[in-house]
Amino acid sequence: MQIHVNWAHEVSSKFPDLSICIGTINNVNVEKDNEQIRKLKKTIYEEVRARHKIETLKDNPRVRAYRDFYWKLNIDPTKTRPSGEALLRRVLHGYELPRISTVVDAYNLASMKTIIPISGFDRDSLNPPFHIRFAKKGETFTGIGMSKPLVLEEKMLVLTDEKQVICIYPYRDADSTKITMQTRKVLVMGYGAPRISEQQLREAVETTLSYIKTVSDGEIEMIKVFSAIPK
């Protein structure tokens, strides 16, 4: 699969310093749970609880960057929190992350640790190249866990492949491209925001792929950053 990302002119002109990072890993073995993911969760929970305090989390530079970006996208980040922050808040409050599968749990752990929104897709369900653009009038989207399609508003930023919207950028993924127990090839997406560097995105995706490999095996194939305006 050749990976390429096309940025709509309206997006690159409004957010010239926006980037995403894509990574792929093949031959994964998705399980509901195993000893490796349980150990990894324990380690990362302890690490983030030692590093962060719930009272000062809003002042973290990455949290601040994504919150500011959400406001520019007309999303209230105190109601719809950026995923990395939402996961981190959950664990800082003393709860555990939802148990979905080894691969999904692994990328949620990476998102929580790096405070960068991460998606995981079943690569065989995707039809690249990818496009980052604003939603078209009347366009619909069915996210994971949604009982009926959502009619998108024109101002919404979306990630699509050649056939459908696969993510409302950067917080809700499509049901049709989600990782299942049958998934063998995984594509990971790390979503940037203004003031989030390419290096931070790359490190977040590298962390994600290493966690997936630890808990579900697999061979890491590629990691690449795509910027709205190449530097």
Protein backbone atom coordinates (compact mmCIF):
# COMPACT_ATOMS: atom_id res chain seq x y z
CA MET A 1 0.00 0.00 0.00
CA GLN A 2 1.43 3.34 -1.08
CA ILE A 3 0.76 5.96 1.61
CA HIS A 4 0.09 9.53 0.53
CA VAL A 5 -1.82 12.43 2.10
CA ASN A 6 -3.47 15.25 0.15
CA TRP A 7 -4.17 18.49 2.01
CA ALA A 8 -7.04 20.69 0.85
CA HIS A 9 -5.89 24.24 0.11
CA GLU A 10 -8.45 25.61 2.60
CA VAL A 11 -6.86 23.51 5.34
CA SER A 12 -3.21 24.21 4.55
CA SER A 13 -3.87 27.95 4.25
CA LYS A 14 -5.74 28.08 7.58
CA PHE A 15 -3.38 25.72 9.43
CA PRO A 16 -0.03 25.90 7.60
CA ASP A 17 1.90 24.25 10.45
CA LEU A 18 -0.42 21.24 10.75
CA SER A 19 1.10 17.74 10.37
CA ILE A 20 0.12 14.12 10.83
CA CYS A 21 2.26 11.03 11.25
CA ILE A 22 1.36 7.62 9.84
CA GLY A 23 2.86 4.29 10.87
CA THR A 24 2.11 0.75 9.77
CA ILE A 25 2.64 -2.66 11.36
CA ASN A 26 1.84 -6.03 9.79
CA ASN A 27 1.11 -9.56 11.02
CA VAL A 28 -0.30 -8.49 14.36
CA ASN A 29 -2.16 -10.94 16.58
CA VAL A 30 -5.13 -9.13 18.11
CA GLU A 31 -6.38 -10.62 21.40
CA LYS A 32 -8.98 -9.50 23.91
CA ASP A 33 -6.39 -9.45 26.68
CA ASN A 34 -3.01 -10.94 27.59
CA GLU A 35 -0.27 -10.74 30.18
CA GLN A 36 1.80 -8.30 28.11
CA ILE A 37 -0.94 -5.64 27.91
CA ARG A 38 -1.70 -6.01 31.61
CA LYS A 39 1.97 -5.42 32.50
CA LEU A 40 2.21 -2.49 30.10
CA LYS A 41 -0.90 -0.85 31.54
CA LYS A 42 0.44 -1.14 35.09
CA THR A 43 3.78 0.41 34.08
CA ILE A 44 2.27 3.31 32.12
CA TYR A 45 -0.41 4.05 34.74
CA GLU A 46 2.30 4.38 37.40
CA GLU A 47 4.43 6.51 35.11
CA VAL A 48 1.76 9.06 34.18
CA ARG A 49 0.39 9.28 37.73
CA ALA A 50 3.88 10.13 38.96
CA ARG A 51 4.43 12.71 36.20
CA HIS A 52 1.10 14.58 36.04
CA LYS A 53 -1.32 16.19 38.47
CA ILE A 54 -4.99 16.61 37.54
CA GLU A 55 -5.04 20.18 38.94
CA THR A 56 -2.30 21.45 36.61
CA LEU A 57 -2.98 19.32 33.52
CA LYS A 58 -4.71 22.16 31.67
CA ASP A 59 -1.40 24.08 31.72
CA ASN A 60 0.57 21.30 30.02
CA PRO A 61 1.86 22.68 26.66
CA ARG A 62 0.46 19.76 24.64
CA VAL A 63 -2.92 19.91 26.37
CA ARG A 64 -2.98 23.65 25.74
CA ALA A 65 -2.05 23.22 22.04
CA TYR A 66 -4.89 20.76 21.35
CA ARG A 67 -7.43 22.76 23.36
CA ASP A 68 -6.58 25.91 21.40
CA PHE A 69 -6.84 23.96 18.15
CA TYR A 70 -10.26 22.61 19.14
CA TRP A 71 -11.57 26.13 19.73
CA LYS A 72 -10.41 27.05 16.21
CA LEU A 73 -12.38 24.06 14.91
CA ASN A 74 -15.48 25.26 16.83
CA ILE A 75 -15.23 22.32 19.24
CA ASP A 76 -15.50 23.03 22.98
CA PRO A 77 -12.54 21.07 24.46
CA THR A 78 -14.09 21.10 27.94
CA LYS A 79 -17.03 19.08 26.57
CA THR A 80 -15.31 17.05 23.84
CA ARG A 81 -11.82 16.57 25.20
CA PRO A 82 -8.84 15.75 22.98
CA SER A 83 -8.40 11.98 23.29
CA GLY A 84 -4.93 12.00 24.83
CA GLU A 85 -6.06 14.41 27.54
CA ALA A 86 -9.34 12.52 28.11
CA LEU A 87 -7.54 9.20 28.59
CA LEU A 88 -4.96 10.78 30.88
CA ARG A 89 -7.62 12.47 33.01
CA ARG A 90 -9.40 9.14 33.42
CA VAL A 91 -6.27 7.46 34.78
CA LEU A 92 -5.31 10.44 36.98
CA HIS A 93 -8.76 10.20 38.55
CA GLY A 94 -7.90 6.63 39.55
CA TYR A 95 -9.76 4.71 36.86
CA GLU A 96 -8.44 2.31 34.24
CA LEU A 97 -8.77 2.63 30.48
CA PRO A 98 -11.56 0.67 28.75
CA ARG A 99 -10.50 -2.87 27.79
CA ILE A 100 -11.18 -3.33 24.09
CA SER A 101 -8.36 -5.40 22.58
CA THR A 102 -4.60 -5.63 22.92
CA VAL A 103 -3.96 -3.40 19.89
CA VAL A 104 -6.60 -0.76 20.70
CA ASP A 105 -5.55 -0.70 24.35
CA ALA A 106 -1.91 -0.29 23.26
CA TYR A 107 -2.59 2.76 21.10
CA ASN A 108 -4.79 4.26 23.81
CA LEU A 109 -1.89 3.87 26.26
CA ALA A 110 0.44 5.59 23.81
CA SER A 111 -2.04 8.41 23.27
CA MET A 112 -2.40 8.87 27.03
CA LYS A 113 1.35 8.86 27.64
CA THR A 114 2.24 11.25 24.81
CA ILE A 115 -0.96 13.38 25.08
CA ILE A 116 -1.27 13.14 21.29
CA PRO A 117 -4.51 11.90 19.66
CA ILE A 118 -3.89 8.49 18.04
CA SER A 119 -6.13 6.42 15.78
CA GLY A 120 -5.69 2.83 14.73
CA PHE A 121 -7.28 1.45 11.57
CA ASP A 122 -7.62 -1.96 9.97
CA ARG A 123 -5.38 -1.34 6.99
CA ASP A 124 -7.22 -3.77 4.73
CA SER A 125 -10.41 -1.69 5.12
CA LEU A 126 -8.74 1.52 3.87
CA ASN A 127 -8.63 2.94 0.34
CA PRO A 128 -5.77 5.43 0.16
CA PRO A 129 -4.61 8.02 -0.71
CA PHE A 130 -5.85 10.01 2.28
CA HIS A 131 -7.31 13.51 2.21
CA ILE A 132 -7.54 16.13 4.94
CA ARG A 133 -10.27 18.65 4.17
CA PHE A 134 -13.36 20.33 5.53
CA ALA A 135 -16.58 18.32 5.39
CA LYS A 136 -18.99 18.85 2.51
CA LYS A 137 -22.61 19.84 3.04
CA GLY A 138 -24.80 16.80 3.68
CA GLU A 139 -21.86 14.42 4.09
CA THR A 140 -22.50 11.64 6.61
CA PHE A 141 -20.28 9.73 9.01
CA THR A 142 -20.86 6.71 11.25
CA GLY A 143 -18.37 6.60 14.12
CA ILE A 144 -17.50 3.74 16.43
CA GLY A 145 -20.40 3.10 18.76
CA MET A 146 -22.86 5.31 16.85
CA SER A 147 -26.29 3.81 16.15
CA LYS A 148 -27.00 6.05 13.16
CA PRO A 149 -25.01 8.25 10.78
CA LEU A 150 -24.12 11.81 11.74
CA VAL A 151 -24.69 14.56 9.18
CA LEU A 152 -21.46 16.55 9.21
CA GLU A 153 -21.29 20.32 9.34
CA GLU A 154 -19.28 22.07 6.65
CA LYS A 155 -16.79 23.56 9.10
CA MET A 156 -15.74 20.13 10.45
CA LEU A 157 -12.21 19.00 9.65
CA VAL A 158 -12.17 15.41 8.37
CA LEU A 159 -9.77 12.71 7.27
CA THR A 160 -10.98 10.62 4.33
CA ASP A 161 -9.75 7.93 2.01
CA GLU A 162 -11.00 7.57 -1.56
CA LYS A 163 -14.37 6.16 -0.47
CA GLN A 164 -15.43 7.61 2.89
CA VAL A 165 -14.76 9.82 5.88
CA ILE A 166 -12.64 7.73 8.26
CA CYS A 167 -12.18 10.27 11.04
CA ILE A 168 -13.58 13.55 12.30
CA TYR A 169 -10.20 15.16 12.90
CA PRO A 170 -8.87 14.45 15.48
CA TYR A 171 -11.33 12.79 17.82
CA ARG A 172 -13.79 10.28 16.32
CA ASP A 173 -13.03 7.29 14.08
CA ALA A 174 -15.28 5.48 11.62
CA ASP A 175 -16.87 2.18 12.62
CA SER A 176 -16.21 0.60 9.23
CA THR A 177 -12.41 0.90 9.47
CA LYS A 178 -11.92 -0.03 13.13
CA ILE A 179 -9.55 -2.71 14.40
CA THR A 180 -11.23 -6.07 15.09
CA MET A 181 -10.07 -9.49 16.25
CA GLN A 182 -9.56 -10.40 12.57
CA THR A 183 -7.24 -7.44 11.85
CA ARG A 184 -3.73 -8.41 10.77
CA LYS A 185 -2.44 -5.14 9.31
CA VAL A 186 -2.70 -1.94 11.36
CA LEU A 187 -2.29 1.66 10.25
CA VAL A 188 -1.70 4.14 13.06
CA MET A 189 -2.37 7.87 12.72
CA GLY A 190 -0.96 10.52 15.05
CA TYR A 191 -2.86 13.80 14.69
CA GLY A 192 -1.02 17.07 14.97
CA ALA A 193 -2.12 20.55 15.96
CA PRO A 194 -0.49 23.97 15.68
CA ARG A 195 2.52 24.10 18.08
CA ILE A 196 2.92 20.29 18.00
CA SER A 197 6.21 19.50 16.24
CA GLU A 198 6.85 16.84 13.63
CA GLN A 199 9.31 15.23 16.06
CA GLN A 200 6.65 15.00 18.78
CA LEU A 201 4.27 13.33 16.33
CA ARG A 202 6.90 10.90 15.11
CA GLU A 203 7.84 9.94 18.68
CA ALA A 204 4.16 9.38 19.54
CA VAL A 205 3.68 7.02 16.58
CA GLU A 206 6.97 5.23 17.31
CA THR A 207 5.77 4.71 20.89
CA THR A 208 2.43 3.42 19.62
CA LEU A 209 3.97 0.90 17.24
CA SER A 210 6.42 -0.33 19.89
CA TYR A 211 3.54 -0.90 22.33
CA ILE A 212 1.52 -2.79 19.68
CA LYS A 213 4.55 -4.95 18.87
CA THR A 214 5.08 -5.68 22.58
CA VAL A 215 1.50 -6.87 23.18
CA SER A 216 0.47 -8.25 19.76
CA ASP A 217 3.70 -9.05 17.90
CA GLY A 218 3.91 -7.86 14.29
CA GLU A 219 6.56 -6.22 12.10
CA ILE A 220 6.80 -2.44 11.92
CA GLU A 221 6.82 -1.40 8.26
CA MET A 222 7.00 2.38 8.03
CA ILE A 223 6.66 5.71 9.87
CA LYS A 224 6.29 8.97 7.97
CA VAL A 225 5.25 12.53 8.76
CA PHE A 226 3.03 14.43 6.29
CA SER A 227 2.83 18.20 6.66
CA ALA A 228 0.24 20.61 5.29
CA ILE A 229 3.08 22.73 3.92
CA PRO A 230 6.30 20.68 3.61
CA LYS A 231 9.19 22.21 5.52
